[in-house]
Amino acid sequence: MKKILVATLSVSLLATAAPSFAFNKIERACRSSDRPASASLCACIQQVANVQLSGSDQRLAAKFFKDPDLAQETRQSDDKRKESFWKRYKAFGAMAHKTCG
């Protein structure tokens, strides 16, 4: 429980200092997804994304909401840039899961 609170506080503090380069791409994709998600959950995921992912990473990740096959293609790619992105994306997903539930 303490780790979750520390992670949440860290994300909250960093999110306020993070640049607004992503324009809420992840949050908008989350809210328009076929899967039901609350506005607060999508906002939380966006806050984590602002800390963990670059703007270009967020643009790619947002596409996964509409095109899950793209996520699979990216994950399985032998391209070094995609492999590097996937590692960052997995770390983002783990932190979003811990922080947002």
PDB file of N, CA and C in Angstrom:
ATOM      1  N   MET A   1       0.825  -1.188   0.000  1.00  0.00           N
ATOM      2  CA  MET A   1       0.000   0.000   0.000  1.00  0.00           C
ATOM      3  C   MET A   1       0.867   1.248   0.000  1.00  0.00           C
ATOM      4  N   LYS A   2       1.946   1.224   0.798  1.00  0.00           N
ATOM      5  CA  LYS A   2       2.833   2.377   0.867  1.00  0.00           C
ATOM      6  C   LYS A   2       3.474   2.658  -0.487  1.00  0.00           C
ATOM      7  N   LYS A   3       3.860   1.596  -1.208  1.00  0.00           N
ATOM      8  CA  LYS A   3       4.472   1.770  -2.524  1.00  0.00           C
ATOM      9  C   LYS A   3       3.501   2.423  -3.505  1.00  0.00           C
ATOM     10  N   ILE A   4       2.250   2.022  -3.433  1.00  0.00           N
ATOM     11  CA  ILE A   4       1.237   2.595  -4.326  1.00  0.00           C
ATOM     12  C   ILE A   4       1.047   4.075  -4.023  1.00  0.00           C
ATOM     13  N   LEU A   5       0.994   4.422  -2.744  1.00  0.00           N
ATOM     14  CA  LEU A   5       0.829   5.826  -2.371  1.00  0.00           C
ATOM     15  C   LEU A   5       2.022   6.655  -2.813  1.00  0.00           C
ATOM     16  N   VAL A   6       3.218   6.121  -2.645  1.00  0.00           N
ATOM     17  CA  VAL A   6       4.419   6.839  -3.072  1.00  0.00           C
ATOM     18  C   VAL A   6       4.418   7.000  -4.586  1.00  0.00           C
ATOM     19  N   ALA A   7       4.063   5.949  -5.312  1.00  0.00           N
ATOM     20  CA  ALA A   7       4.011   6.025  -6.773  1.00  0.00           C
ATOM     21  C   ALA A   7       2.971   7.042  -7.225  1.00  0.00           C
ATOM     22  N   THR A   8       1.821   7.046  -6.575  1.00  0.00           N
ATOM     23  CA  THR A   8       0.763   7.991  -6.925  1.00  0.00           C
ATOM     24  C   THR A   8       1.215   9.419  -6.673  1.00  0.00           C
ATOM     25  N   LEU A   9       1.818   9.653  -5.529  1.00  0.00           N
ATOM     26  CA  LEU A   9       2.303  10.987  -5.207  1.00  0.00           C
ATOM     27  C   LEU A   9       3.393  11.415  -6.181  1.00  0.00           C
ATOM     28  N   SER A  10       4.301  10.512  -6.499  1.00  0.00           N
ATOM     29  CA  SER A  10       5.376  10.834  -7.441  1.00  0.00           C
ATOM     30  C   SER A  10       4.820  11.215  -8.798  1.00  0.00           C
ATOM     31  N   VAL A  11       3.869  10.436  -9.283  1.00  0.00           N
ATOM     32  CA  VAL A  11       3.268  10.724 -10.585  1.00  0.00           C
ATOM     33  C   VAL A  11       2.541  12.059 -10.536  1.00  0.00           C
ATOM     34  N   SER A  12       1.826  12.317  -9.466  1.00  0.00           N
ATOM     35  CA  SER A  12       1.092  13.582  -9.352  1.00  0.00           C
ATOM     36  C   SER A  12       2.036  14.775  -9.364  1.00  0.00           C
ATOM     37  N   LEU A  13       3.120  14.673  -8.610  1.00  0.00           N
ATOM     38  CA  LEU A  13       4.080  15.771  -8.567  1.00  0.00           C
ATOM     39  C   LEU A  13       4.776  15.960  -9.900  1.00  0.00           C
ATOM     40  N   LEU A  14       5.187  14.884 -10.521  1.00  0.00           N
ATOM     41  CA  LEU A  14       5.883  14.986 -11.800  1.00  0.00           C
ATOM     42  C   LEU A  14       4.952  15.419 -12.919  1.00  0.00           C
ATOM     43  N   ALA A  15       3.715  15.003 -12.854  1.00  0.00           N
ATOM     44  CA  ALA A  15       2.768  15.361 -13.908  1.00  0.00           C
ATOM     45  C   ALA A  15       2.520  16.862 -13.945  1.00  0.00           C
ATOM     46  N   THR A  16       2.553  17.487 -12.798  1.00  0.00           N
ATOM     47  CA  THR A  16       2.339  18.930 -12.787  1.00  0.00           C
ATOM     48  C   THR A  16       3.539  19.659 -13.359  1.00  0.00           C
ATOM     49  N   ALA A  17       4.709  19.041 -13.273  1.00  0.00           N
ATOM     50  CA  ALA A  17       5.914  19.667 -13.807  1.00  0.00           C
ATOM     51  C   ALA A  17       6.204  19.235 -15.244  1.00  0.00           C
ATOM     52  N   ALA A  18       5.538  18.194 -15.712  1.00  0.00           N
ATOM     53  CA  ALA A  18       5.800  17.670 -17.053  1.00  0.00           C
ATOM     54  C   ALA A  18       5.283  18.633 -18.120  1.00  0.00           C
ATOM     55  N   PRO A  19       5.989  18.743 -19.228  1.00  0.00           N
ATOM     56  CA  PRO A  19       5.513  19.622 -20.294  1.00  0.00           C
ATOM     57  C   PRO A  19       4.228  19.080 -20.915  1.00  0.00           C
ATOM     58  N   SER A  20       3.441  19.963 -21.443  1.00  0.00           N
ATOM     59  CA  SER A  20       2.160  19.537 -22.020  1.00  0.00           C
ATOM     60  C   SER A  20       2.312  19.224 -23.498  1.00  0.00           C
ATOM     61  N   PHE A  21       3.282  18.384 -23.827  1.00  0.00           N
ATOM     62  CA  PHE A  21       3.589  18.074 -25.218  1.00  0.00           C
ATOM     63  C   PHE A  21       2.672  17.039 -25.829  1.00  0.00           C
ATOM     64  N   ALA A  22       1.959  16.310 -25.032  1.00  0.00           N
ATOM     65  CA  ALA A  22       1.198  15.184 -25.562  1.00  0.00           C
ATOM     66  C   ALA A  22      -0.230  15.544 -25.914  1.00  0.00           C
ATOM     67  N   PHE A  23      -0.717  16.670 -25.427  1.00  0.00           N
ATOM     68  CA  PHE A  23      -2.062  17.122 -25.756  1.00  0.00           C
ATOM     69  C   PHE A  23      -3.126  16.091 -25.419  1.00  0.00           C
ATOM     70  N   ASN A  24      -2.911  15.319 -24.381  1.00  0.00           N
ATOM     71  CA  ASN A  24      -3.902  14.366 -23.873  1.00  0.00           C
ATOM     72  C   ASN A  24      -4.317  13.303 -24.885  1.00  0.00           C
ATOM     73  N   LYS A  25      -3.408  12.886 -25.718  1.00  0.00           N
ATOM     74  CA  LYS A  25      -3.707  11.862 -26.732  1.00  0.00           C
ATOM     75  C   LYS A  25      -4.191  10.565 -26.093  1.00  0.00           C
ATOM     76  N   ILE A  26      -3.509  10.119 -25.066  1.00  0.00           N
ATOM     77  CA  ILE A  26      -3.862   8.852 -24.415  1.00  0.00           C
ATOM     78  C   ILE A  26      -5.237   8.978 -23.749  1.00  0.00           C
ATOM     79  N   GLU A  27      -5.444  10.072 -23.051  1.00  0.00           N
ATOM     80  CA  GLU A  27      -6.726  10.260 -22.363  1.00  0.00           C
ATOM     81  C   GLU A  27      -7.881  10.276 -23.360  1.00  0.00           C
ATOM     82  N   ARG A  28      -7.708  10.988 -24.462  1.00  0.00           N
ATOM     83  CA  ARG A  28      -8.780  11.038 -25.464  1.00  0.00           C
ATOM     84  C   ARG A  28      -9.020   9.671 -26.088  1.00  0.00           C
ATOM     85  N   ALA A  29      -7.946   8.944 -26.376  1.00  0.00           N
ATOM     86  CA  ALA A  29      -8.100   7.602 -26.946  1.00  0.00           C
ATOM     87  C   ALA A  29      -8.777   6.669 -25.946  1.00  0.00           C
ATOM     88  N   CYS A  30      -8.412   6.783 -24.697  1.00  0.00           N
ATOM     89  CA  CYS A  30      -9.016   5.967 -23.635  1.00  0.00           C
ATOM     90  C   CYS A  30     -10.514   6.233 -23.534  1.00  0.00           C
ATOM     91  N   ARG A  31     -10.873   7.499 -23.542  1.00  0.00           N
ATOM     92  CA  ARG A  31     -12.288   7.857 -23.381  1.00  0.00           C
ATOM     93  C   ARG A  31     -13.133   7.486 -24.587  1.00  0.00           C
ATOM     94  N   SER A  32     -12.537   7.436 -25.761  1.00  0.00           N
ATOM     95  CA  SER A  32     -13.304   7.099 -26.965  1.00  0.00           C
ATOM     96  C   SER A  32     -13.205   5.615 -27.313  1.00  0.00           C
ATOM     97  N   SER A  33     -12.543   4.857 -26.476  1.00  0.00           N
ATOM     98  CA  SER A  33     -12.357   3.430 -26.712  1.00  0.00           C
ATOM     99  C   SER A  33     -13.674   2.673 -26.599  1.00  0.00           C
ATOM    100  N   ASP A  34     -13.718   1.508 -27.238  1.00  0.00           N
ATOM    101  CA  ASP A  34     -14.881   0.622 -27.131  1.00  0.00           C
ATOM    102  C   ASP A  34     -15.012   0.044 -25.722  1.00  0.00           C
ATOM    103  N   ARG A  35     -13.910  -0.019 -25.003  1.00  0.00           N
ATOM    104  CA  ARG A  35     -13.918  -0.554 -23.640  1.00  0.00           C
ATOM    105  C   ARG A  35     -14.342   0.559 -22.689  1.00  0.00           C
ATOM    106  N   PRO A  36     -15.253   0.263 -21.785  1.00  0.00           N
ATOM    107  CA  PRO A  36     -15.711   1.306 -20.863  1.00  0.00           C
ATOM    108  C   PRO A  36     -14.613   1.679 -19.859  1.00  0.00           C
ATOM    109  N   ALA A  37     -14.355   2.980 -19.735  1.00  0.00           N
ATOM    110  CA  ALA A  37     -13.399   3.475 -18.752  1.00  0.00           C
ATOM    111  C   ALA A  37     -13.896   4.823 -18.259  1.00  0.00           C
ATOM    112  N   SER A  38     -13.744   5.050 -16.983  1.00  0.00           N
ATOM    113  CA  SER A  38     -14.204   6.320 -16.417  1.00  0.00           C
ATOM    114  C   SER A  38     -13.277   7.451 -16.837  1.00  0.00           C
ATOM    115  N   ALA A  39     -13.812   8.643 -16.783  1.00  0.00           N
ATOM    116  CA  ALA A  39     -13.015   9.826 -17.114  1.00  0.00           C
ATOM    117  C   ALA A  39     -11.835   9.956 -16.161  1.00  0.00           C
ATOM    118  N   SER A  40     -12.041   9.636 -14.896  1.00  0.00           N
ATOM    119  CA  SER A  40     -10.951   9.755 -13.919  1.00  0.00           C
ATOM    120  C   SER A  40      -9.857   8.723 -14.176  1.00  0.00           C
ATOM    121  N   LEU A  41     -10.225   7.522 -14.591  1.00  0.00           N
ATOM    122  CA  LEU A  41      -9.229   6.504 -14.925  1.00  0.00           C
ATOM    123  C   LEU A  41      -8.418   6.947 -16.135  1.00  0.00           C
ATOM    124  N   CYS A  42      -9.080   7.418 -17.164  1.00  0.00           N
ATOM    125  CA  CYS A  42      -8.377   7.872 -18.370  1.00  0.00           C
ATOM    126  C   CYS A  42      -7.452   9.044 -18.066  1.00  0.00           C
ATOM    127  N   ALA A  43      -7.895   9.955 -17.194  1.00  0.00           N
ATOM    128  CA  ALA A  43      -7.063  11.099 -16.809  1.00  0.00           C
ATOM    129  C   ALA A  43      -5.836  10.630 -16.028  1.00  0.00           C
ATOM    130  N   CYS A  44      -6.026   9.655 -15.163  1.00  0.00           N
ATOM    131  CA  CYS A  44      -4.906   9.107 -14.401  1.00  0.00           C
ATOM    132  C   CYS A  44      -3.882   8.455 -15.336  1.00  0.00           C
ATOM    133  N   ILE A  45      -4.363   7.674 -16.282  1.00  0.00           N
ATOM    134  CA  ILE A  45      -3.474   7.026 -17.243  1.00  0.00           C
ATOM    135  C   ILE A  45      -2.695   8.081 -18.024  1.00  0.00           C
ATOM    136  N   GLN A  46      -3.356   9.175 -18.391  1.00  0.00           N
ATOM    137  CA  GLN A  46      -2.680  10.251 -19.109  1.00  0.00           C
ATOM    138  C   GLN A  46      -1.592  10.884 -18.249  1.00  0.00           C
ATOM    139  N   GLN A  47      -1.862  11.072 -16.966  1.00  0.00           N
ATOM    140  CA  GLN A  47      -0.852  11.645 -16.074  1.00  0.00           C
ATOM    141  C   GLN A  47       0.386  10.764 -16.013  1.00  0.00           C
ATOM    142  N   VAL A  48       0.182   9.464 -15.937  1.00  0.00           N
ATOM    143  CA  VAL A  48       1.318   8.542 -15.927  1.00  0.00           C
ATOM    144  C   VAL A  48       2.053   8.618 -17.268  1.00  0.00           C
ATOM    145  N   ALA A  49       1.308   8.678 -18.347  1.00  0.00           N
ATOM    146  CA  ALA A  49       1.922   8.778 -19.678  1.00  0.00           C
ATOM    147  C   ALA A  49       2.762  10.042 -19.796  1.00  0.00           C
ATOM    148  N   ASN A  50       2.288  11.145 -19.235  1.00  0.00           N
ATOM    149  CA  ASN A  50       3.040  12.399 -19.308  1.00  0.00           C
ATOM    150  C   ASN A  50       4.398  12.293 -18.642  1.00  0.00           C
ATOM    151  N   VAL A  51       4.480  11.445 -17.629  1.00  0.00           N
ATOM    152  CA  VAL A  51       5.736  11.266 -16.909  1.00  0.00           C
ATOM    153  C   VAL A  51       6.617  10.227 -17.598  1.00  0.00           C
ATOM    154  N   GLN A  52       6.016   9.170 -18.121  1.00  0.00           N
ATOM    155  CA  GLN A  52       6.778   8.015 -18.578  1.00  0.00           C
ATOM    156  C   GLN A  52       7.059   7.987 -20.074  1.00  0.00           C
ATOM    157  N   LEU A  53       6.236   8.643 -20.876  1.00  0.00           N
ATOM    158  CA  LEU A  53       6.361   8.519 -22.329  1.00  0.00           C
ATOM    159  C   LEU A  53       6.573   9.879 -22.991  1.00  0.00           C
ATOM    160  N   SER A  54       7.374   9.887 -24.032  1.00  0.00           N
ATOM    161  CA  SER A  54       7.553  11.105 -24.828  1.00  0.00           C
ATOM    162  C   SER A  54       6.272  11.370 -25.623  1.00  0.00           C
ATOM    163  N   GLY A  55       6.208  12.517 -26.233  1.00  0.00           N
ATOM    164  CA  GLY A  55       5.047  12.845 -27.060  1.00  0.00           C
ATOM    165  C   GLY A  55       4.862  11.869 -28.203  1.00  0.00           C
ATOM    166  N   SER A  56       5.949  11.502 -28.868  1.00  0.00           N
ATOM    167  CA  SER A  56       5.821  10.552 -29.984  1.00  0.00           C
ATOM    168  C   SER A  56       5.432   9.166 -29.480  1.00  0.00           C
ATOM    169  N   ASP A  57       5.939   8.768 -28.313  1.00  0.00           N
ATOM    170  CA  ASP A  57       5.521   7.490 -27.719  1.00  0.00           C
ATOM    171  C   ASP A  57       4.030   7.512 -27.415  1.00  0.00           C
ATOM    172  N   GLN A  58       3.543   8.639 -26.908  1.00  0.00           N
ATOM    173  CA  GLN A  58       2.129   8.746 -26.584  1.00  0.00           C
ATOM    174  C   GLN A  58       1.262   8.694 -27.838  1.00  0.00           C
ATOM    175  N   ARG A  59       1.726   9.314 -28.892  1.00  0.00           N
ATOM    176  CA  ARG A  59       0.946   9.265 -30.144  1.00  0.00           C
ATOM    177  C   ARG A  59       0.814   7.821 -30.639  1.00  0.00           C
ATOM    178  N   LEU A  60       1.903   7.071 -30.583  1.00  0.00           N
ATOM    179  CA  LEU A  60       1.846   5.669 -31.009  1.00  0.00           C
ATOM    180  C   LEU A  60       0.965   4.855 -30.056  1.00  0.00           C
ATOM    181  N   ALA A  61       1.159   5.030 -28.763  1.00  0.00           N
ATOM    182  CA  ALA A  61       0.378   4.269 -27.780  1.00  0.00           C
ATOM    183  C   ALA A  61      -1.114   4.562 -27.912  1.00  0.00           C
ATOM    184  N   ALA A  62      -1.469   5.791 -28.206  1.00  0.00           N
ATOM    185  CA  ALA A  62      -2.886   6.146 -28.353  1.00  0.00           C
ATOM    186  C   ALA A  62      -3.521   5.390 -29.513  1.00  0.00           C
ATOM    187  N   LYS A  63      -2.742   5.085 -30.527  1.00  0.00           N
ATOM    188  CA  LYS A  63      -3.270   4.341 -31.676  1.00  0.00           C
ATOM    189  C   LYS A  63      -3.658   2.913 -31.298  1.00  0.00           C
ATOM    190  N   PHE A  64      -3.052   2.381 -30.244  1.00  0.00           N
ATOM    191  CA  PHE A  64      -3.350   1.015 -29.825  1.00  0.00           C
ATOM    192  C   PHE A  64      -4.795   0.855 -29.367  1.00  0.00           C
ATOM    193  N   PHE A  65      -5.403   1.923 -28.879  1.00  0.00           N
ATOM    194  CA  PHE A  65      -6.786   1.840 -28.413  1.00  0.00           C
ATOM    195  C   PHE A  65      -7.730   1.500 -29.568  1.00  0.00           C
ATOM    196  N   LYS A  66      -7.465   2.046 -30.736  1.00  0.00           N
ATOM    197  CA  LYS A  66      -8.326   1.775 -31.899  1.00  0.00           C
ATOM    198  C   LYS A  66      -7.835   0.593 -32.725  1.00  0.00           C
ATOM    199  N   ASP A  67      -6.548   0.302 -32.637  1.00  0.00           N
ATOM    200  CA  ASP A  67      -5.968  -0.740 -33.472  1.00  0.00           C
ATOM    201  C   ASP A  67      -5.089  -1.670 -32.635  1.00  0.00           C
ATOM    202  N   PRO A  68      -5.693  -2.613 -31.904  1.00  0.00           N
ATOM    203  CA  PRO A  68      -4.910  -3.526 -31.076  1.00  0.00           C
ATOM    204  C   PRO A  68      -3.912  -4.359 -31.875  1.00  0.00           C
ATOM    205  N   ASP A  69      -4.204  -4.583 -33.150  1.00  0.00           N
ATOM    206  CA  ASP A  69      -3.259  -5.335 -33.986  1.00  0.00           C
ATOM    207  C   ASP A  69      -1.948  -4.575 -34.147  1.00  0.00           C
ATOM    208  N   LEU A  70      -2.012  -3.252 -34.141  1.00  0.00           N
ATOM    209  CA  LEU A  70      -0.801  -2.437 -34.225  1.00  0.00           C
ATOM    210  C   LEU A  70       0.073  -2.669 -33.000  1.00  0.00           C
ATOM    211  N   ALA A  71      -0.542  -2.812 -31.852  1.00  0.00           N
ATOM    212  CA  ALA A  71       0.217  -3.108 -30.631  1.00  0.00           C
ATOM    213  C   ALA A  71       0.932  -4.445 -30.769  1.00  0.00           C
ATOM    214  N   GLN A  72       0.230  -5.430 -31.285  1.00  0.00           N
ATOM    215  CA  GLN A  72       0.830  -6.755 -31.475  1.00  0.00           C
ATOM    216  C   GLN A  72       1.979  -6.699 -32.483  1.00  0.00           C
ATOM    217  N   GLU A  73       1.781  -5.995 -33.568  1.00  0.00           N
ATOM    218  CA  GLU A  73       2.837  -5.839 -34.580  1.00  0.00           C
ATOM    219  C   GLU A  73       4.062  -5.143 -33.981  1.00  0.00           C
ATOM    220  N   THR A  74       3.811  -4.123 -33.189  1.00  0.00           N
ATOM    221  CA  THR A  74       4.899  -3.379 -32.565  1.00  0.00           C
ATOM    222  C   THR A  74       5.654  -4.268 -31.586  1.00  0.00           C
ATOM    223  N   ARG A  75       4.917  -5.008 -30.796  1.00  0.00           N
ATOM    224  CA  ARG A  75       5.536  -5.895 -29.800  1.00  0.00           C
ATOM    225  C   ARG A  75       6.416  -6.951 -30.457  1.00  0.00           C
ATOM    226  N   GLN A  76       5.972  -7.482 -31.581  1.00  0.00           N
ATOM    227  CA  GLN A  76       6.690  -8.571 -32.230  1.00  0.00           C
ATOM    228  C   GLN A  76       7.755  -8.106 -33.216  1.00  0.00           C
ATOM    229  N   SER A  77       7.866  -6.827 -33.427  1.00  0.00           N
ATOM    230  CA  SER A  77       8.796  -6.297 -34.419  1.00  0.00           C
ATOM    231  C   SER A  77      10.252  -6.539 -34.031  1.00  0.00           C
ATOM    232  N   ASP A  78      11.085  -6.728 -35.045  1.00  0.00           N
ATOM    233  CA  ASP A  78      12.524  -6.858 -34.841  1.00  0.00           C
ATOM    234  C   ASP A  78      13.235  -5.510 -34.964  1.00  0.00           C
ATOM    235  N   ASP A  79      12.493  -4.475 -35.283  1.00  0.00           N
ATOM    236  CA  ASP A  79      13.041  -3.125 -35.410  1.00  0.00           C
ATOM    237  C   ASP A  79      13.493  -2.641 -34.028  1.00  0.00           C
ATOM    238  N   LYS A  80      14.724  -2.174 -33.930  1.00  0.00           N
ATOM    239  CA  LYS A  80      15.295  -1.758 -32.640  1.00  0.00           C
ATOM    240  C   LYS A  80      14.514  -0.608 -32.008  1.00  0.00           C
ATOM    241  N   ARG A  81      14.048   0.334 -32.817  1.00  0.00           N
ATOM    242  CA  ARG A  81      13.278   1.457 -32.266  1.00  0.00           C
ATOM    243  C   ARG A  81      11.959   0.975 -31.674  1.00  0.00           C
ATOM    244  N   LYS A  82      11.309   0.035 -32.354  1.00  0.00           N
ATOM    245  CA  LYS A  82      10.046  -0.500 -31.837  1.00  0.00           C
ATOM    246  C   LYS A  82      10.279  -1.335 -30.582  1.00  0.00           C
ATOM    247  N   GLU A  83      11.384  -2.066 -30.549  1.00  0.00           N
ATOM    248  CA  GLU A  83      11.717  -2.842 -29.352  1.00  0.00           C
ATOM    249  C   GLU A  83      11.957  -1.910 -28.164  1.00  0.00           C
ATOM    250  N   SER A  84      12.659  -0.822 -28.417  1.00  0.00           N
ATOM    251  CA  SER A  84      12.932   0.162 -27.375  1.00  0.00           C
ATOM    252  C   SER A  84      11.632   0.809 -26.898  1.00  0.00           C
ATOM    253  N   PHE A  85      10.782   1.178 -27.857  1.00  0.00           N
ATOM    254  CA  PHE A  85       9.481   1.735 -27.500  1.00  0.00           C
ATOM    255  C   PHE A  85       8.708   0.748 -26.651  1.00  0.00           C
ATOM    256  N   TRP A  86       8.678  -0.527 -27.037  1.00  0.00           N
ATOM    257  CA  TRP A  86       7.874  -1.516 -26.326  1.00  0.00           C
ATOM    258  C   TRP A  86       8.321  -1.648 -24.870  1.00  0.00           C
ATOM    259  N   LYS A  87       9.614  -1.559 -24.618  1.00  0.00           N
ATOM    260  CA  LYS A  87      10.101  -1.607 -23.238  1.00  0.00           C
ATOM    261  C   LYS A  87       9.586  -0.412 -22.441  1.00  0.00           C
ATOM    262  N   ARG A  88       9.618   0.770 -23.039  1.00  0.00           N
ATOM    263  CA  ARG A  88       9.087   1.954 -22.365  1.00  0.00           C
ATOM    264  C   ARG A  88       7.582   1.830 -22.155  1.00  0.00           C
ATOM    265  N   TYR A  89       6.898   1.287 -23.155  1.00  0.00           N
ATOM    266  CA  TYR A  89       5.445   1.130 -23.080  1.00  0.00           C
ATOM    267  C   TYR A  89       5.056   0.144 -21.977  1.00  0.00           C
ATOM    268  N   LYS A  90       5.805  -0.949 -21.848  1.00  0.00           N
ATOM    269  CA  LYS A  90       5.537  -1.922 -20.791  1.00  0.00           C
ATOM    270  C   LYS A  90       5.746  -1.303 -19.413  1.00  0.00           C
ATOM    271  N   ALA A  91       6.799  -0.516 -19.266  1.00  0.00           N
ATOM    272  CA  ALA A  91       7.056   0.160 -17.991  1.00  0.00           C
ATOM    273  C   ALA A  91       5.931   1.148 -17.681  1.00  0.00           C
ATOM    274  N   PHE A  92       5.475   1.862 -18.698  1.00  0.00           N
ATOM    275  CA  PHE A  92       4.344   2.776 -18.542  1.00  0.00           C
ATOM    276  C   PHE A  92       3.099   2.002 -18.101  1.00  0.00           C
ATOM    277  N   GLY A  93       2.814   0.901 -18.750  1.00  0.00           N
ATOM    278  CA  GLY A  93       1.642   0.097 -18.407  1.00  0.00           C
ATOM    279  C   GLY A  93       1.687  -0.407 -16.975  1.00  0.00           C
ATOM    280  N   ALA A  94       2.856  -0.836 -16.544  1.00  0.00           N
ATOM    281  CA  ALA A  94       3.002  -1.327 -15.169  1.00  0.00           C
ATOM    282  C   ALA A  94       2.765  -0.188 -14.164  1.00  0.00           C
ATOM    283  N   MET A  95       3.326   0.982 -14.464  1.00  0.00           N
ATOM    284  CA  MET A  95       3.143   2.119 -13.559  1.00  0.00           C
ATOM    285  C   MET A  95       1.692   2.595 -13.564  1.00  0.00           C
ATOM    286  N   ALA A  96       1.061   2.624 -14.731  1.00  0.00           N
ATOM    287  CA  ALA A  96      -0.348   3.022 -14.812  1.00  0.00           C
ATOM    288  C   ALA A  96      -1.219   2.045 -14.035  1.00  0.00           C
ATOM    289  N   HIS A  97      -0.916   0.777 -14.126  1.00  0.00           N
ATOM    290  CA  HIS A  97      -1.681  -0.239 -13.397  1.00  0.00           C
ATOM    291  C   HIS A  97      -1.528  -0.022 -11.886  1.00  0.00           C
ATOM    292  N   LYS A  98      -0.299   0.199 -11.426  1.00  0.00           N
ATOM    293  CA  LYS A  98      -0.053   0.428 -10.000  1.00  0.00           C
ATOM    294  C   LYS A  98      -0.727   1.705  -9.515  1.00  0.00           C
ATOM    295  N   THR A  99      -0.619   2.737 -10.315  1.00  0.00           N
ATOM    296  CA  THR A  99      -1.083   4.058  -9.888  1.00  0.00           C
ATOM    297  C   THR A  99      -2.591   4.233 -10.039  1.00  0.00           C
ATOM    298  N   CYS A 100      -3.121   3.751 -11.154  1.00  0.00           N
ATOM    299  CA  CYS A 100      -4.524   4.040 -11.487  1.00  0.00           C
ATOM    300  C   CYS A 100      -5.467   2.895 -11.176  1.00  0.00           C
ATOM    301  N   GLY A 101      -4.928   1.723 -10.950  1.00  0.00           N
ATOM    302  CA  GLY A 101      -5.783   0.593 -10.608  1.00  0.00           C
ATOM    303  C   GLY A 101      -6.199  -0.255 -11.747  1.00  0.00           C
TER     304      GLY A 101
END
